């Protein structure tokens, strides 16, 4: 897949030194929601300085689900590097349809 893509990265301090990560994206903006290439992942991990190292965890959402069995077959990790108002995502998550990719640069949206 090539061209512009829209994605959402949510980072939340989950307490006890853990961070929760939620990533959604994959389809082109003009394709609308719910396209076959749309993808999501959830992960939990620790933050050290400007980096969060996390492992993908099982989840069930309206977009897709990932089970413990899925992750036993294909474990996945995510690294989020914070750079001011941007976050750089690097993941080996390969359970997206059509090889959709959640890697890239995510920029903080202006508060509404």
Protein backbone atom coordinates (compact mmCIF):
# COMPACT_ATOMS: atom_id res chain seq x y z
CA UNK A 1 0.00 0.00 0.00
CA UNK A 2 1.25 3.47 -0.80
CA UNK A 3 0.05 7.04 -0.61
CA UNK A 4 -1.35 9.03 2.30
CA UNK A 5 -2.85 7.12 5.19
CA UNK A 6 -4.63 8.25 8.34
CA UNK A 7 -3.92 6.60 11.65
CA UNK A 8 -4.57 7.18 15.31
CA UNK A 9 -2.15 6.54 18.15
CA UNK A 10 -3.36 6.67 21.74
CA UNK A 11 -0.93 6.50 24.64
CA UNK A 12 -2.20 6.17 28.21
CA UNK A 13 -0.37 5.81 31.50
CA UNK A 14 -1.88 2.55 32.79
CA UNK A 15 -0.25 2.86 36.23
CA UNK A 16 2.33 0.63 37.91
CA UNK A 17 4.94 1.82 35.38
CA UNK A 18 2.98 0.46 32.41
CA UNK A 19 1.77 2.30 29.33
CA UNK A 20 -1.18 1.26 27.17
CA UNK A 21 -0.89 1.76 23.41
CA UNK A 22 -3.73 1.66 20.90
CA UNK A 23 -3.04 2.06 17.17
CA UNK A 24 -5.60 2.21 14.38
CA UNK A 25 -5.05 2.88 10.70
CA UNK A 26 -4.34 1.36 7.34
CA UNK A 27 -6.91 2.59 4.85
CA UNK A 28 -6.69 5.70 2.68
CA UNK A 29 -8.86 8.62 3.87
CA UNK A 30 -11.02 8.61 0.74
CA UNK A 31 -11.85 4.90 1.20
CA UNK A 32 -13.91 5.55 4.34
CA UNK A 33 -14.11 3.55 7.55
CA UNK A 34 -14.22 -0.22 7.74
CA UNK A 35 -12.10 -0.93 4.69
CA UNK A 36 -10.49 -4.37 4.47
CA UNK A 37 -7.07 -2.75 4.96
CA UNK A 38 -8.02 -1.08 8.25
CA UNK A 39 -6.12 -2.46 11.21
CA UNK A 40 -5.77 -2.06 14.96
CA UNK A 41 -3.45 -3.18 17.70
CA UNK A 42 -3.32 -2.86 21.47
CA UNK A 43 -0.08 -3.16 23.44
CA UNK A 44 1.28 -2.68 26.95
CA UNK A 45 4.80 -1.91 28.02
CA UNK A 46 7.20 0.32 29.89
CA UNK A 47 8.56 3.77 29.21
CA UNK A 48 12.19 4.70 29.58
CA UNK A 49 12.92 8.31 28.69
CA UNK A 50 11.33 9.06 25.33
CA UNK A 51 10.74 5.40 24.36
CA UNK A 52 7.94 3.00 25.13
CA UNK A 53 8.72 -0.68 24.49
CA UNK A 54 5.56 -2.79 24.48
CA UNK A 55 4.16 -6.17 23.52
CA UNK A 56 0.91 -6.56 21.62
CA UNK A 57 -1.83 -7.97 23.86
CA UNK A 58 -5.08 -9.77 23.01
CA UNK A 59 -8.08 -7.49 22.38
CA UNK A 60 -11.53 -7.40 20.82
CA UNK A 61 -12.81 -4.22 19.18
CA UNK A 62 -15.38 -3.21 16.60
CA UNK A 63 -12.63 -3.20 13.94
CA UNK A 64 -10.95 -6.53 14.65
CA UNK A 65 -9.78 -8.91 17.37
CA UNK A 66 -6.48 -10.55 18.27
CA UNK A 67 -6.48 -13.64 20.48
CA UNK A 68 -3.88 -15.20 22.73
CA UNK A 69 -3.56 -17.99 20.15
CA UNK A 70 -2.87 -15.40 17.40
CA UNK A 71 -0.05 -13.93 19.48
CA UNK A 72 1.38 -17.35 20.36
CA UNK A 73 1.70 -18.04 16.62
CA UNK A 74 2.98 -14.58 15.81
CA UNK A 75 4.18 -12.54 18.83
CA UNK A 76 4.48 -8.83 18.10
CA UNK A 77 6.13 -5.81 19.68
CA UNK A 78 5.81 -2.04 19.34
CA UNK A 79 8.30 0.75 19.99
CA UNK A 80 7.04 4.32 20.28
CA UNK A 81 9.68 7.05 20.28
CA UNK A 82 8.41 10.44 21.42
CA UNK A 83 9.78 13.48 19.56
CA UNK A 84 8.04 16.64 20.78
CA UNK A 85 4.53 16.73 19.28
CA UNK A 86 5.25 13.61 17.20
CA UNK A 87 5.63 9.90 17.93
CA UNK A 88 7.51 7.47 15.71
CA UNK A 89 6.00 3.97 15.70
CA UNK A 90 7.96 0.86 14.77
CA UNK A 91 6.19 -2.48 15.00
CA UNK A 92 6.50 -5.98 13.60
CA UNK A 93 2.72 -6.54 13.93
CA UNK A 94 1.73 -8.58 10.86
CA UNK A 95 -1.90 -9.51 11.52
CA UNK A 96 -3.35 -6.69 9.41
CA UNK A 97 -5.25 -7.54 6.24
CA UNK A 98 -3.59 -6.81 2.92
CA UNK A 99 -0.24 -6.25 4.68
CA UNK A 100 -1.49 -2.90 6.00
CA UNK A 101 1.24 -1.23 8.04
CA UNK A 102 0.89 0.80 11.24
CA UNK A 103 4.51 2.01 11.25
CA UNK A 104 5.19 5.69 10.80
CA UNK A 105 5.09 9.16 12.25
CA UNK A 106 2.05 10.21 14.26
CA UNK A 107 1.51 13.92 15.05
CA UNK A 108 -0.44 15.26 18.00
CA UNK A 109 -3.78 16.79 17.00
CA UNK A 110 -4.71 20.24 18.22
CA UNK A 111 -7.04 20.18 21.22
CA UNK A 112 -10.68 20.87 20.39
